[in-house]
Amino acid sequence: MGCPPEWKKFILHLRDVLPCPFMQIAFGNLHNDTIVNIRTRMLAEKRVSEYYNQCLCAEDEHFYQ
């Protein structure tokens, strides 16, 4: 089972939008931007918009370095 991070949006209590709870990269904040703009930024990032056969945060050495 792989992980399509772009499909999973995780919103922290401070309204930061992350692709998933394990990927600590915020693509925006709902206090300052719309979910449409944040999603557009996510889709522009290859590591977030493409499907992977593994968890990037746990199993992809290049990603977590």
N, C-alpha and C. Protein backbone atom coordinates (compact mmCIF):
# COMPACT_ATOMS: atom_id res chain seq x y z
N MET A 1 0.85 -1.19 0.00
CA MET A 1 0.00 0.00 0.00
C MET A 1 0.89 1.24 0.00
N GLY A 2 0.65 2.12 -0.92
CA GLY A 2 1.45 3.33 -1.03
C GLY A 2 0.79 4.52 -0.38
N CYS A 3 1.35 5.68 -0.67
CA CYS A 3 0.84 6.89 -0.05
C CYS A 3 0.73 8.00 -1.07
N PRO A 4 -0.48 8.49 -1.35
CA PRO A 4 -0.65 9.68 -2.18
C PRO A 4 -0.84 10.90 -1.28
N PRO A 5 0.23 11.52 -0.76
CA PRO A 5 0.10 12.56 0.26
C PRO A 5 -0.82 13.72 -0.11
N GLU A 6 -0.85 14.13 -1.37
CA GLU A 6 -1.66 15.28 -1.74
C GLU A 6 -3.12 15.06 -1.41
N TRP A 7 -3.57 13.83 -1.43
CA TRP A 7 -4.98 13.54 -1.17
C TRP A 7 -5.32 13.66 0.31
N LYS A 8 -4.30 13.59 1.15
CA LYS A 8 -4.51 13.64 2.59
C LYS A 8 -4.03 14.99 3.10
N LYS A 9 -4.95 15.84 3.43
CA LYS A 9 -4.55 17.14 3.98
C LYS A 9 -4.76 17.10 5.49
N PHE A 10 -3.78 17.53 6.20
CA PHE A 10 -3.81 17.52 7.65
C PHE A 10 -3.73 18.97 8.12
N ILE A 11 -4.69 19.41 8.89
CA ILE A 11 -4.72 20.80 9.35
C ILE A 11 -4.46 20.82 10.86
N LEU A 12 -3.39 21.49 11.23
CA LEU A 12 -3.05 21.61 12.65
C LEU A 12 -3.97 22.60 13.34
N HIS A 13 -3.98 22.59 14.65
CA HIS A 13 -4.85 23.49 15.40
C HIS A 13 -4.52 24.96 15.14
N LEU A 14 -3.32 25.26 14.66
CA LEU A 14 -2.94 26.64 14.32
C LEU A 14 -3.28 26.96 12.86
N ARG A 15 -3.96 26.01 12.20
CA ARG A 15 -4.43 26.13 10.82
C ARG A 15 -3.32 26.05 9.78
N ASP A 16 -2.18 25.47 10.13
CA ASP A 16 -1.17 25.14 9.13
C ASP A 16 -1.64 23.91 8.37
N VAL A 17 -1.46 23.89 7.06
CA VAL A 17 -1.90 22.76 6.24
C VAL A 17 -0.68 21.95 5.81
N LEU A 18 -0.67 20.68 6.23
CA LEU A 18 0.40 19.75 5.91
C LEU A 18 -0.17 18.64 5.02
N PRO A 19 0.67 18.01 4.18
CA PRO A 19 0.17 16.90 3.35
C PRO A 19 -0.26 15.69 4.19
N CYS A 20 0.45 15.44 5.30
CA CYS A 20 0.09 14.37 6.21
C CYS A 20 0.69 14.70 7.58
N PRO A 21 0.25 14.06 8.63
CA PRO A 21 0.75 14.41 9.96
C PRO A 21 2.22 14.07 10.18
N PHE A 22 2.79 13.21 9.34
CA PHE A 22 4.19 12.83 9.52
C PHE A 22 5.14 13.68 8.69
N MET A 23 4.62 14.39 7.71
CA MET A 23 5.42 15.23 6.84
C MET A 23 5.35 16.67 7.36
N GLN A 24 6.34 17.09 8.07
CA GLN A 24 6.32 18.39 8.73
C GLN A 24 6.74 19.53 7.79
N ILE A 25 5.99 19.65 6.70
CA ILE A 25 6.20 20.71 5.73
C ILE A 25 4.85 21.41 5.54
N ALA A 26 4.74 22.64 6.01
CA ALA A 26 3.49 23.38 5.87
C ALA A 26 3.47 24.07 4.51
N PHE A 27 2.36 23.94 3.81
CA PHE A 27 2.20 24.58 2.51
C PHE A 27 1.39 25.86 2.60
N GLY A 28 0.97 26.21 3.77
CA GLY A 28 0.23 27.45 3.97
C GLY A 28 -0.52 27.41 5.29
N ASN A 29 -1.15 28.52 5.57
CA ASN A 29 -1.91 28.67 6.80
C ASN A 29 -3.28 29.25 6.45
N LEU A 30 -4.33 28.65 6.98
CA LEU A 30 -5.69 29.08 6.65
C LEU A 30 -6.04 30.45 7.22
N HIS A 31 -5.23 30.98 8.12
CA HIS A 31 -5.43 32.36 8.58
C HIS A 31 -5.06 33.34 7.49
N ASN A 32 -4.10 32.95 6.63
CA ASN A 32 -3.55 33.87 5.64
C ASN A 32 -3.89 33.54 4.19
N ASP A 33 -4.41 32.35 3.93
CA ASP A 33 -4.61 31.91 2.55
C ASP A 33 -5.81 30.98 2.46
N THR A 34 -6.24 30.72 1.24
CA THR A 34 -7.38 29.82 1.02
C THR A 34 -6.88 28.40 0.80
N ILE A 35 -7.75 27.43 1.03
CA ILE A 35 -7.39 26.03 0.81
C ILE A 35 -7.11 25.77 -0.67
N VAL A 36 -7.75 26.52 -1.57
CA VAL A 36 -7.52 26.37 -3.00
C VAL A 36 -6.08 26.76 -3.35
N ASN A 37 -5.61 27.88 -2.84
CA ASN A 37 -4.23 28.31 -3.09
C ASN A 37 -3.22 27.36 -2.47
N ILE A 38 -3.51 26.88 -1.29
CA ILE A 38 -2.60 25.95 -0.62
C ILE A 38 -2.54 24.64 -1.39
N ARG A 39 -3.67 24.14 -1.85
CA ARG A 39 -3.70 22.91 -2.63
C ARG A 39 -2.93 23.08 -3.93
N THR A 40 -3.04 24.23 -4.57
CA THR A 40 -2.29 24.50 -5.79
C THR A 40 -0.79 24.42 -5.54
N ARG A 41 -0.33 24.96 -4.41
CA ARG A 41 1.09 24.86 -4.04
C ARG A 41 1.48 23.40 -3.80
N MET A 42 0.60 22.64 -3.16
CA MET A 42 0.89 21.23 -2.93
C MET A 42 1.03 20.47 -4.25
N LEU A 43 0.13 20.73 -5.19
CA LEU A 43 0.16 20.03 -6.47
C LEU A 43 1.41 20.39 -7.29
N ALA A 44 1.98 21.54 -7.05
CA ALA A 44 3.20 21.95 -7.76
C ALA A 44 4.44 21.24 -7.23
N GLU A 45 4.34 20.67 -6.04
CA GLU A 45 5.47 19.96 -5.43
C GLU A 45 5.40 18.49 -5.81
N LYS A 46 6.37 18.02 -6.58
CA LYS A 46 6.36 16.65 -7.10
C LYS A 46 6.25 15.61 -5.99
N ARG A 47 6.99 15.79 -4.90
CA ARG A 47 6.99 14.79 -3.83
C ARG A 47 5.63 14.67 -3.15
N VAL A 48 4.80 15.65 -3.31
CA VAL A 48 3.49 15.64 -2.66
C VAL A 48 2.38 15.25 -3.63
N SER A 49 2.53 15.60 -4.89
CA SER A 49 1.44 15.38 -5.84
C SER A 49 1.47 14.02 -6.52
N GLU A 50 2.59 13.32 -6.48
CA GLU A 50 2.67 12.02 -7.12
C GLU A 50 2.45 10.87 -6.14
N TYR A 51 2.02 9.74 -6.67
CA TYR A 51 1.80 8.55 -5.86
C TYR A 51 3.13 7.84 -5.61
N TYR A 52 3.35 7.39 -4.40
CA TYR A 52 4.55 6.64 -4.05
C TYR A 52 4.14 5.29 -3.47
N ASN A 53 4.94 4.28 -3.73
CA ASN A 53 4.66 2.94 -3.23
C ASN A 53 5.07 2.76 -1.78
N GLN A 54 5.62 3.79 -1.19
CA GLN A 54 6.07 3.70 0.20
C GLN A 54 5.81 5.03 0.91
N CYS A 55 5.92 5.01 2.20
CA CYS A 55 5.78 6.23 2.98
C CYS A 55 7.07 7.03 2.84
N LEU A 56 6.97 8.24 2.31
CA LEU A 56 8.17 9.07 2.12
C LEU A 56 8.86 9.38 3.44
N CYS A 57 8.09 9.66 4.47
CA CYS A 57 8.67 10.07 5.75
C CYS A 57 9.38 8.92 6.47
N ALA A 58 8.90 7.71 6.30
CA ALA A 58 9.45 6.57 7.04
C ALA A 58 10.39 5.70 6.22
N GLU A 59 10.19 5.66 4.90
CA GLU A 59 10.91 4.68 4.11
C GLU A 59 11.78 5.24 2.98
N ASP A 60 11.71 6.52 2.70
CA ASP A 60 12.51 7.10 1.62
C ASP A 60 13.68 7.89 2.19
N GLU A 61 14.85 7.29 2.12
CA GLU A 61 16.04 7.89 2.74
C GLU A 61 16.38 9.27 2.18
N HIS A 62 16.23 9.46 0.88
CA HIS A 62 16.52 10.76 0.28
C HIS A 62 15.57 11.83 0.80
N PHE A 63 14.31 11.48 0.97
CA PHE A 63 13.33 12.45 1.43
C PHE A 63 13.62 12.92 2.85
N TYR A 64 13.83 11.99 3.77
CA TYR A 64 13.98 12.42 5.16
C TYR A 64 15.35 12.95 5.49
N GLN A 65 16.31 12.85 4.57
CA GLN A 65 17.60 13.49 4.80
C GLN A 65 17.51 14.92 4.35
